[in-house]
Amino acid sequence: MNKFFDTKLKKTLFIIVVIAVIEISGHGIFVSLIRFLNSVN
């Protein structure tokens, strides 16, 4: 059980890091959404 939790935690952290890197590089969904909202206004 402990080993399963450990791998799940590592996977979750990996996904968070990947999303953060994509967002910082400016190709993320949040950045695109903000740009879209700014272009509409």
PDB file of N, CA and C in Angstrom:
ATOM      1  N   MET A   1       0.841  -1.207   0.000  1.00  0.00           N
ATOM      2  CA  MET A   1       0.000   0.000   0.000  1.00  0.00           C
ATOM      3  C   MET A   1       0.876   1.257   0.000  1.00  0.00           C
ATOM      4  N   ASN A   2       1.889   1.259   0.849  1.00  0.00           N
ATOM      5  CA  ASN A   2       2.771   2.426   0.932  1.00  0.00           C
ATOM      6  C   ASN A   2       3.510   2.665  -0.382  1.00  0.00           C
ATOM      7  N   LYS A   3       3.943   1.582  -1.027  1.00  0.00           N
ATOM      8  CA  LYS A   3       4.649   1.699  -2.300  1.00  0.00           C
ATOM      9  C   LYS A   3       3.724   2.262  -3.384  1.00  0.00           C
ATOM     10  N   PHE A   4       2.481   1.813  -3.393  1.00  0.00           N
ATOM     11  CA  PHE A   4       1.494   2.307  -4.356  1.00  0.00           C
ATOM     12  C   PHE A   4       1.282   3.808  -4.178  1.00  0.00           C
ATOM     13  N   PHE A   5       1.137   4.239  -2.940  1.00  0.00           N
ATOM     14  CA  PHE A   5       0.942   5.666  -2.643  1.00  0.00           C
ATOM     15  C   PHE A   5       2.140   6.485  -3.098  1.00  0.00           C
ATOM     16  N   ASP A   6       3.331   5.950  -2.878  1.00  0.00           N
ATOM     17  CA  ASP A   6       4.571   6.633  -3.241  1.00  0.00           C
ATOM     18  C   ASP A   6       4.638   6.856  -4.760  1.00  0.00           C
ATOM     19  N   THR A   7       4.306   5.838  -5.549  1.00  0.00           N
ATOM     20  CA  THR A   7       4.358   5.990  -7.002  1.00  0.00           C
ATOM     21  C   THR A   7       3.269   6.940  -7.483  1.00  0.00           C
ATOM     22  N   LYS A   8       2.116   6.899  -6.849  1.00  0.00           N
ATOM     23  CA  LYS A   8       1.022   7.807  -7.213  1.00  0.00           C
ATOM     24  C   LYS A   8       1.413   9.252  -6.919  1.00  0.00           C
ATOM     25  N   LEU A   9       2.057   9.462  -5.792  1.00  0.00           N
ATOM     26  CA  LEU A   9       2.525  10.797  -5.420  1.00  0.00           C
ATOM     27  C   LEU A   9       3.561  11.302  -6.416  1.00  0.00           C
ATOM     28  N   LYS A  10       4.503  10.443  -6.801  1.00  0.00           N
ATOM     29  CA  LYS A  10       5.526  10.821  -7.767  1.00  0.00           C
ATOM     30  C   LYS A  10       4.904  11.178  -9.119  1.00  0.00           C
ATOM     31  N   LYS A  11       3.917  10.388  -9.547  1.00  0.00           N
ATOM     32  CA  LYS A  11       3.224  10.666 -10.807  1.00  0.00           C
ATOM     33  C   LYS A  11       2.512  12.008 -10.760  1.00  0.00           C
ATOM     34  N   THR A  12       1.845  12.290  -9.641  1.00  0.00           N
ATOM     35  CA  THR A  12       1.127  13.554  -9.481  1.00  0.00           C
ATOM     36  C   THR A  12       2.104  14.725  -9.506  1.00  0.00           C
ATOM     37  N   LEU A  13       3.210  14.618  -8.793  1.00  0.00           N
ATOM     38  CA  LEU A  13       4.214  15.673  -8.783  1.00  0.00           C
ATOM     39  C   LEU A  13       4.796  15.883 -10.182  1.00  0.00           C
ATOM     40  N   PHE A  14       5.049  14.799 -10.910  1.00  0.00           N
ATOM     41  CA  PHE A  14       5.580  14.882 -12.262  1.00  0.00           C
ATOM     42  C   PHE A  14       4.622  15.646 -13.176  1.00  0.00           C
ATOM     43  N   ILE A  15       3.321  15.323 -13.089  1.00  0.00           N
ATOM     44  CA  ILE A  15       2.307  15.996 -13.899  1.00  0.00           C
ATOM     45  C   ILE A  15       2.257  17.487 -13.555  1.00  0.00           C
ATOM     46  N   ILE A  16       2.318  17.831 -12.273  1.00  0.00           N
ATOM     47  CA  ILE A  16       2.297  19.236 -11.841  1.00  0.00           C
ATOM     48  C   ILE A  16       3.501  19.979 -12.410  1.00  0.00           C
ATOM     49  N   VAL A  17       4.678  19.365 -12.351  1.00  0.00           N
ATOM     50  CA  VAL A  17       5.901  19.988 -12.875  1.00  0.00           C
ATOM     51  C   VAL A  17       5.783  20.216 -14.384  1.00  0.00           C
ATOM     52  N   VAL A  18       5.301  19.210 -15.108  1.00  0.00           N
ATOM     53  CA  VAL A  18       5.136  19.327 -16.557  1.00  0.00           C
ATOM     54  C   VAL A  18       4.182  20.476 -16.900  1.00  0.00           C
ATOM     55  N   ILE A  19       3.032  20.539 -16.218  1.00  0.00           N
ATOM     56  CA  ILE A  19       2.063  21.612 -16.458  1.00  0.00           C
ATOM     57  C   ILE A  19       2.689  22.972 -16.147  1.00  0.00           C
ATOM     58  N   ALA A  20       3.407  23.072 -15.047  1.00  0.00           N
ATOM     59  CA  ALA A  20       4.048  24.332 -14.659  1.00  0.00           C
ATOM     60  C   ALA A  20       5.044  24.788 -15.722  1.00  0.00           C
ATOM     61  N   VAL A  21       5.854  23.873 -16.231  1.00  0.00           N
ATOM     62  CA  VAL A  21       6.841  24.201 -17.272  1.00  0.00           C
ATOM     63  C   VAL A  21       6.144  24.690 -18.546  1.00  0.00           C
ATOM     64  N   ILE A  22       5.076  24.009 -18.949  1.00  0.00           N
ATOM     65  CA  ILE A  22       4.314  24.413 -20.135  1.00  0.00           C
ATOM     66  C   ILE A  22       3.722  25.809 -19.939  1.00  0.00           C
ATOM     67  N   GLU A  23       3.154  26.060 -18.766  1.00  0.00           N
ATOM     68  CA  GLU A  23       2.563  27.376 -18.482  1.00  0.00           C
ATOM     69  C   GLU A  23       3.628  28.475 -18.515  1.00  0.00           C
ATOM     70  N   ILE A  24       4.771  28.224 -17.886  1.00  0.00           N
ATOM     71  CA  ILE A  24       5.854  29.215 -17.833  1.00  0.00           C
ATOM     72  C   ILE A  24       6.396  29.498 -19.234  1.00  0.00           C
ATOM     73  N   SER A  25       6.468  28.476 -20.075  1.00  0.00           N
ATOM     74  CA  SER A  25       6.978  28.660 -21.435  1.00  0.00           C
ATOM     75  C   SER A  25       5.988  29.416 -22.324  1.00  0.00           C
ATOM     76  N   GLY A  26       4.744  29.604 -21.845  1.00  0.00           N
ATOM     77  CA  GLY A  26       3.783  30.437 -22.540  1.00  0.00           C
ATOM     78  C   GLY A  26       2.913  29.711 -23.546  1.00  0.00           C
ATOM     79  N   HIS A  27       2.848  28.391 -23.467  1.00  0.00           N
ATOM     80  CA  HIS A  27       2.031  27.609 -24.393  1.00  0.00           C
ATOM     81  C   HIS A  27       0.889  26.898 -23.687  1.00  0.00           C
ATOM     82  N   GLY A  28       0.638  27.287 -22.451  1.00  0.00           N
ATOM     83  CA  GLY A  28      -0.369  26.596 -21.648  1.00  0.00           C
ATOM     84  C   GLY A  28      -1.778  27.085 -21.916  1.00  0.00           C
ATOM     85  N   ILE A  29      -2.726  26.330 -21.432  1.00  0.00           N
ATOM     86  CA  ILE A  29      -4.142  26.647 -21.626  1.00  0.00           C
ATOM     87  C   ILE A  29      -4.535  27.913 -20.865  1.00  0.00           C
ATOM     88  N   PHE A  30      -3.955  28.135 -19.696  1.00  0.00           N
ATOM     89  CA  PHE A  30      -4.295  29.326 -18.913  1.00  0.00           C
ATOM     90  C   PHE A  30      -3.791  30.587 -19.609  1.00  0.00           C
ATOM     91  N   VAL A  31      -2.578  30.531 -20.135  1.00  0.00           N
ATOM     92  CA  VAL A  31      -2.003  31.670 -20.854  1.00  0.00           C
ATOM     93  C   VAL A  31      -2.829  31.961 -22.106  1.00  0.00           C
ATOM     94  N   SER A  32      -3.211  30.927 -22.837  1.00  0.00           N
ATOM     95  CA  SER A  32      -4.032  31.084 -24.033  1.00  0.00           C
ATOM     96  C   SER A  32      -5.392  31.682 -23.690  1.00  0.00           C
ATOM     97  N   LEU A  33      -5.967  31.240 -22.584  1.00  0.00           N
ATOM     98  CA  LEU A  33      -7.271  31.746 -22.136  1.00  0.00           C
ATOM     99  C   LEU A  33      -7.182  33.232 -21.783  1.00  0.00           C
ATOM    100  N   ILE A  34      -6.122  33.622 -21.070  1.00  0.00           N
ATOM    101  CA  ILE A  34      -5.943  35.025 -20.690  1.00  0.00           C
ATOM    102  C   ILE A  34      -5.760  35.882 -21.950  1.00  0.00           C
ATOM    103  N   ARG A  35      -4.958  35.403 -22.903  1.00  0.00           N
ATOM    104  CA  ARG A  35      -4.758  36.135 -24.161  1.00  0.00           C
ATOM    105  C   ARG A  35      -6.070  36.283 -24.913  1.00  0.00           C
ATOM    106  N   PHE A  36      -6.859  35.217 -24.957  1.00  0.00           N
ATOM    107  CA  PHE A  36      -8.156  35.243 -25.643  1.00  0.00           C
ATOM    108  C   PHE A  36      -9.087  36.270 -24.988  1.00  0.00           C
ATOM    109  N   LEU A  37      -9.147  36.262 -23.654  1.00  0.00           N
ATOM    110  CA  LEU A  37     -10.013  37.209 -22.932  1.00  0.00           C
ATOM    111  C   LEU A  37      -9.546  38.642 -23.157  1.00  0.00           C
ATOM    112  N   ASN A  38      -8.234  38.867 -23.212  1.00  0.00           N
ATOM    113  CA  ASN A  38      -7.711  40.214 -23.469  1.00  0.00           C
ATOM    114  C   ASN A  38      -8.014  40.670 -24.885  1.00  0.00           C
ATOM    115  N   SER A  39      -7.950  39.773 -25.853  1.00  0.00           N
ATOM    116  CA  SER A  39      -8.235  40.135 -27.239  1.00  0.00           C
ATOM    117  C   SER A  39      -9.722  40.425 -27.463  1.00  0.00           C
ATOM    118  N   VAL A  40     -10.597  39.768 -26.671  1.00  0.00           N
ATOM    119  CA  VAL A  40     -12.039  40.026 -26.766  1.00  0.00           C
ATOM    120  C   VAL A  40     -12.356  41.409 -26.224  1.00  0.00           C
ATOM    121  N   ASN A  41     -11.746  41.784 -25.105  1.00  0.00           N
ATOM    122  CA  ASN A  41     -11.983  43.124 -24.524  1.00  0.00           C
ATOM    123  C   ASN A  41     -11.196  44.107 -25.296  1.00  0.00           C
TER     124      ASN A  41
END
